[in-house]
Amino acid sequence: MDNLDLKILSCLKENSRMNATAIGEKVNLSTSALLERIKKLEASGVIMKYTAIIDNEKIGKGITVFISVSLEHPKYDESFREAIAQNEEIIECHYVTGDYDYMLKGITGSSQSLEKLINFVKSINGVSHTKTLVVMTTTKNEFTSIQ
């Protein structure tokens, strides 16, 4: 991957629906050469998928939370991950270092649904401790860093 690929990724990050001609003009590359590079980025897994970024508040999911989770024992990892994968309100799950084993990011719409989400996580077999942080304001929300 070279500097030209990084410029292409930056354009796609800004707007994945930008057409190849416009991207080619921005990075000074012919449309056919650009499309070939994009295909290589897709084939190598650098570009995993194209998606829409949705305003959670506008769809009734205005509460964002981070839930730190400790498991009793690593033997619960697989079943924990499977349970988390089934819950649509949990949008990220990270295995982390430090005082907790996992960091979850969840979105929900009300204090009642937040309570259900927290109780869901606490009820997963092997969960020994949780800590929930409610996001008050988001100052920056980038999805990846190209540089």
C-alpha atoms as a PDB file:
ATOM      1  CA  MET A   1       0.000   0.000   0.000  1.00  0.00           C
ATOM      2  CA  ASP A   2       1.420   3.349  -1.006  1.00  0.00           C
ATOM      3  CA  ASN A   3       0.573   7.033  -0.629  1.00  0.00           C
ATOM      4  CA  LEU A   4      -1.793   6.906  -3.624  1.00  0.00           C
ATOM      5  CA  ASP A   5      -3.791   4.106  -1.982  1.00  0.00           C
ATOM      6  CA  LEU A   6      -4.022   6.221   1.179  1.00  0.00           C
ATOM      7  CA  LYS A   7      -5.399   9.143  -0.850  1.00  0.00           C
ATOM      8  CA  ILE A   8      -7.968   6.848  -2.466  1.00  0.00           C
ATOM      9  CA  LEU A   9      -9.002   5.518   0.950  1.00  0.00           C
ATOM     10  CA  SER A  10      -9.323   9.061   2.253  1.00  0.00           C
ATOM     11  CA  CYS A  11     -11.704   9.929  -0.598  1.00  0.00           C
ATOM     12  CA  LEU A  12     -13.778   6.802   0.007  1.00  0.00           C
ATOM     13  CA  LYS A  13     -13.851   7.486   3.746  1.00  0.00           C
ATOM     14  CA  GLU A  14     -15.193  10.975   3.073  1.00  0.00           C
ATOM     15  CA  ASN A  15     -17.857   9.660   0.700  1.00  0.00           C
ATOM     16  CA  SER A  16     -17.947   6.006  -0.357  1.00  0.00           C
ATOM     17  CA  ARG A  17     -20.489   6.892  -3.060  1.00  0.00           C
ATOM     18  CA  MET A  18     -18.076   9.265  -4.828  1.00  0.00           C
ATOM     19  CA  ASN A  19     -17.740   8.085  -8.400  1.00  0.00           C
ATOM     20  CA  ALA A  20     -14.469   6.791  -9.799  1.00  0.00           C
ATOM     21  CA  THR A  21     -14.010   9.738 -12.169  1.00  0.00           C
ATOM     22  CA  ALA A  22     -14.181  12.245  -9.304  1.00  0.00           C
ATOM     23  CA  ILE A  23     -11.781  10.218  -7.146  1.00  0.00           C
ATOM     24  CA  GLY A  24      -9.428   9.812 -10.094  1.00  0.00           C
ATOM     25  CA  GLU A  25      -9.359  13.571 -10.596  1.00  0.00           C
ATOM     26  CA  LYS A  26      -8.603  14.156  -6.903  1.00  0.00           C
ATOM     27  CA  VAL A  27      -5.721  11.675  -6.827  1.00  0.00           C
ATOM     28  CA  ASN A  28      -4.517  12.325 -10.406  1.00  0.00           C
ATOM     29  CA  LEU A  29      -5.208   8.839 -11.752  1.00  0.00           C
ATOM     30  CA  SER A  30      -7.186   7.515 -14.717  1.00  0.00           C
ATOM     31  CA  THR A  31     -10.550   5.951 -13.972  1.00  0.00           C
ATOM     32  CA  SER A  32      -9.447   2.479 -15.100  1.00  0.00           C
ATOM     33  CA  ALA A  33      -6.247   2.609 -13.010  1.00  0.00           C
ATOM     34  CA  LEU A  34      -8.237   3.850 -10.021  1.00  0.00           C
ATOM     35  CA  LEU A  35     -10.812   1.063 -10.318  1.00  0.00           C
ATOM     36  CA  GLU A  36      -8.005  -1.496 -10.481  1.00  0.00           C
ATOM     37  CA  ARG A  37      -6.478  -0.125  -7.276  1.00  0.00           C
ATOM     38  CA  ILE A  38      -9.860  -0.148  -5.530  1.00  0.00           C
ATOM     39  CA  LYS A  39     -10.406  -3.781  -6.580  1.00  0.00           C
ATOM     40  CA  LYS A  40      -7.004  -4.690  -5.103  1.00  0.00           C
ATOM     41  CA  LEU A  41      -7.848  -2.864  -1.859  1.00  0.00           C
ATOM     42  CA  GLU A  42     -11.128  -4.790  -1.671  1.00  0.00           C
ATOM     43  CA  ALA A  43      -9.520  -8.149  -2.523  1.00  0.00           C
ATOM     44  CA  SER A  44      -6.811  -7.685   0.115  1.00  0.00           C
ATOM     45  CA  GLY A  45      -9.399  -6.880   2.784  1.00  0.00           C
ATOM     46  CA  VAL A  46      -8.235  -3.300   3.343  1.00  0.00           C
ATOM     47  CA  ILE A  47     -11.688  -2.186   2.228  1.00  0.00           C
ATOM     48  CA  MET A  48     -13.989  -4.498   4.161  1.00  0.00           C
ATOM     49  CA  LYS A  49     -17.359  -3.141   3.029  1.00  0.00           C
ATOM     50  CA  TYR A  50     -19.282  -0.048   2.035  1.00  0.00           C
ATOM     51  CA  THR A  51     -22.012   1.110   4.381  1.00  0.00           C
ATOM     52  CA  ALA A  52     -24.237   3.984   5.460  1.00  0.00           C
ATOM     53  CA  ILE A  53     -23.539   5.973   8.612  1.00  0.00           C
ATOM     54  CA  ILE A  54     -26.830   6.461  10.435  1.00  0.00           C
ATOM     55  CA  ASP A  55     -27.693   9.201  12.917  1.00  0.00           C
ATOM     56  CA  ASN A  56     -28.717   7.064  15.910  1.00  0.00           C
ATOM     57  CA  GLU A  57     -30.691   9.875  17.523  1.00  0.00           C
ATOM     58  CA  LYS A  58     -32.883  10.258  14.427  1.00  0.00           C
ATOM     59  CA  ILE A  59     -33.850   6.580  14.571  1.00  0.00           C
ATOM     60  CA  GLY A  60     -34.738   6.692  18.251  1.00  0.00           C
ATOM     61  CA  LYS A  61     -31.434   5.333  19.587  1.00  0.00           C
ATOM     62  CA  GLY A  62     -30.080   8.526  21.175  1.00  0.00           C
ATOM     63  CA  ILE A  63     -28.382   6.935  24.196  1.00  0.00           C
ATOM     64  CA  THR A  64     -24.838   5.651  23.682  1.00  0.00           C
ATOM     65  CA  VAL A  65     -23.098   3.653  26.405  1.00  0.00           C
ATOM     66  CA  PHE A  66     -19.794   1.955  27.006  1.00  0.00           C
ATOM     67  CA  ILE A  67     -19.976  -1.165  29.148  1.00  0.00           C
ATOM     68  CA  SER A  68     -16.809  -2.669  30.609  1.00  0.00           C
ATOM     69  CA  VAL A  69     -17.188  -6.378  31.329  1.00  0.00           C
ATOM     70  CA  SER A  70     -15.153  -8.785  33.464  1.00  0.00           C
ATOM     71  CA  LEU A  71     -15.548 -12.528  33.035  1.00  0.00           C
ATOM     72  CA  GLU A  72     -15.011 -15.054  35.825  1.00  0.00           C
ATOM     73  CA  HIS A  73     -12.755 -17.197  33.633  1.00  0.00           C
ATOM     74  CA  PRO A  74     -11.528 -17.308  30.011  1.00  0.00           C
ATOM     75  CA  LYS A  75     -13.594 -20.471  29.472  1.00  0.00           C
ATOM     76  CA  TYR A  76     -16.612 -18.132  29.120  1.00  0.00           C
ATOM     77  CA  ASP A  77     -15.099 -16.120  26.230  1.00  0.00           C
ATOM     78  CA  GLU A  78     -16.739 -18.013  23.378  1.00  0.00           C
ATOM     79  CA  SER A  79     -20.234 -18.135  24.868  1.00  0.00           C
ATOM     80  CA  PHE A  80     -19.943 -14.463  25.882  1.00  0.00           C
ATOM     81  CA  ARG A  81     -19.008 -13.443  22.332  1.00  0.00           C
ATOM     82  CA  GLU A  82     -21.864 -15.488  20.893  1.00  0.00           C
ATOM     83  CA  ALA A  83     -24.387 -13.853  23.255  1.00  0.00           C
ATOM     84  CA  ILE A  84     -23.097 -10.370  22.451  1.00  0.00           C
ATOM     85  CA  ALA A  85     -23.284 -11.043  18.706  1.00  0.00           C
ATOM     86  CA  GLN A  86     -27.018 -11.737  19.043  1.00  0.00           C
ATOM     87  CA  ASN A  87     -27.859  -8.339  20.573  1.00  0.00           C
ATOM     88  CA  GLU A  88     -28.492  -5.620  17.980  1.00  0.00           C
ATOM     89  CA  GLU A  89     -28.107  -2.790  20.506  1.00  0.00           C
ATOM     90  CA  ILE A  90     -24.480  -3.758  21.106  1.00  0.00           C
ATOM     91  CA  ILE A  91     -22.682  -2.325  18.100  1.00  0.00           C
ATOM     92  CA  GLU A  92     -19.064  -2.942  19.110  1.00  0.00           C
ATOM     93  CA  CYS A  93     -17.325  -5.564  21.239  1.00  0.00           C
ATOM     94  CA  HIS A  94     -13.600  -5.351  21.964  1.00  0.00           C
ATOM     95  CA  TYR A  95     -11.381  -7.733  23.917  1.00  0.00           C
ATOM     96  CA  VAL A  96      -9.157  -5.361  25.931  1.00  0.00           C
ATOM     97  CA  THR A  97      -6.299  -5.219  28.406  1.00  0.00           C
ATOM     98  CA  GLY A  98      -6.576  -3.715  31.863  1.00  0.00           C
ATOM     99  CA  ASP A  99      -9.073  -4.167  34.671  1.00  0.00           C
ATOM    100  CA  TYR A 100     -11.806  -5.544  32.375  1.00  0.00           C
ATOM    101  CA  ASP A 101     -11.894  -8.222  29.694  1.00  0.00           C
ATOM    102  CA  TYR A 102     -14.267  -6.600  27.191  1.00  0.00           C
ATOM    103  CA  MET A 103     -15.414  -3.121  26.221  1.00  0.00           C
ATOM    104  CA  LEU A 104     -18.836  -2.922  24.617  1.00  0.00           C
ATOM    105  CA  LYS A 105     -20.419   0.004  22.826  1.00  0.00           C
ATOM    106  CA  GLY A 106     -24.191   0.048  22.860  1.00  0.00           C
ATOM    107  CA  ILE A 107     -26.947   2.254  21.532  1.00  0.00           C
ATOM    108  CA  THR A 108     -30.437   2.379  22.918  1.00  0.00           C
ATOM    109  CA  GLY A 109     -33.436   4.666  23.021  1.00  0.00           C
ATOM    110  CA  SER A 110     -34.590   5.111  26.604  1.00  0.00           C
ATOM    111  CA  SER A 111     -33.638   4.575  30.214  1.00  0.00           C
ATOM    112  CA  GLN A 112     -35.905   1.512  30.247  1.00  0.00           C
ATOM    113  CA  SER A 113     -34.187  -0.044  27.230  1.00  0.00           C
ATOM    114  CA  LEU A 114     -30.805   0.854  28.746  1.00  0.00           C
ATOM    115  CA  GLU A 115     -31.773  -1.018  31.891  1.00  0.00           C
ATOM    116  CA  LYS A 116     -32.721  -4.061  29.767  1.00  0.00           C
ATOM    117  CA  LEU A 117     -29.412  -3.848  27.894  1.00  0.00           C
ATOM    118  CA  ILE A 118     -27.372  -3.705  31.103  1.00  0.00           C
ATOM    119  CA  ASN A 119     -29.369  -6.573  32.605  1.00  0.00           C
ATOM    120  CA  PHE A 120     -28.854  -8.587  29.417  1.00  0.00           C
ATOM    121  CA  VAL A 121     -25.085  -8.182  29.677  1.00  0.00           C
ATOM    122  CA  LYS A 122     -25.052  -8.947  33.408  1.00  0.00           C
ATOM    123  CA  SER A 123     -27.105 -12.109  32.845  1.00  0.00           C
ATOM    124  CA  ILE A 124     -24.649 -13.658  30.369  1.00  0.00           C
ATOM    125  CA  ASN A 125     -23.095 -16.768  31.862  1.00  0.00           C
ATOM    126  CA  GLY A 126     -19.638 -15.998  33.273  1.00  0.00           C
ATOM    127  CA  VAL A 127     -20.007 -12.214  33.638  1.00  0.00           C
ATOM    128  CA  SER A 128     -18.685 -11.278  37.061  1.00  0.00           C
ATOM    129  CA  HIS A 129     -18.577  -7.477  36.946  1.00  0.00           C
ATOM    130  CA  THR A 130     -19.680  -4.605  34.707  1.00  0.00           C
ATOM    131  CA  LYS A 131     -19.209  -0.857  34.659  1.00  0.00           C
ATOM    132  CA  THR A 132     -21.417   1.324  32.473  1.00  0.00           C
ATOM    133  CA  LEU A 133     -20.598   4.811  31.206  1.00  0.00           C
ATOM    134  CA  VAL A 134     -23.308   6.876  29.492  1.00  0.00           C
ATOM    135  CA  VAL A 135     -22.106   9.237  26.763  1.00  0.00           C
ATOM    136  CA  MET A 136     -23.246  12.802  27.380  1.00  0.00           C
ATOM    137  CA  THR A 137     -21.754  14.455  24.262  1.00  0.00           C
ATOM    138  CA  THR A 138     -19.666  13.167  21.371  1.00  0.00           C
ATOM    139  CA  THR A 139     -16.988  15.610  20.260  1.00  0.00           C
ATOM    140  CA  LYS A 140     -15.375  13.416  17.611  1.00  0.00           C
ATOM    141  CA  ASN A 141     -16.658  10.312  15.867  1.00  0.00           C
ATOM    142  CA  GLU A 142     -14.250   9.052  13.219  1.00  0.00           C
ATOM    143  CA  PHE A 143     -14.461   5.492  11.978  1.00  0.00           C
ATOM    144  CA  THR A 144     -10.829   4.981  11.040  1.00  0.00           C
ATOM    145  CA  SER A 145      -7.573   6.830  10.662  1.00  0.00           C
ATOM    146  CA  ILE A 146      -5.955   6.753   7.237  1.00  0.00           C
ATOM    147  CA  GLN A 147      -2.616   8.395   8.127  1.00  0.00           C
END
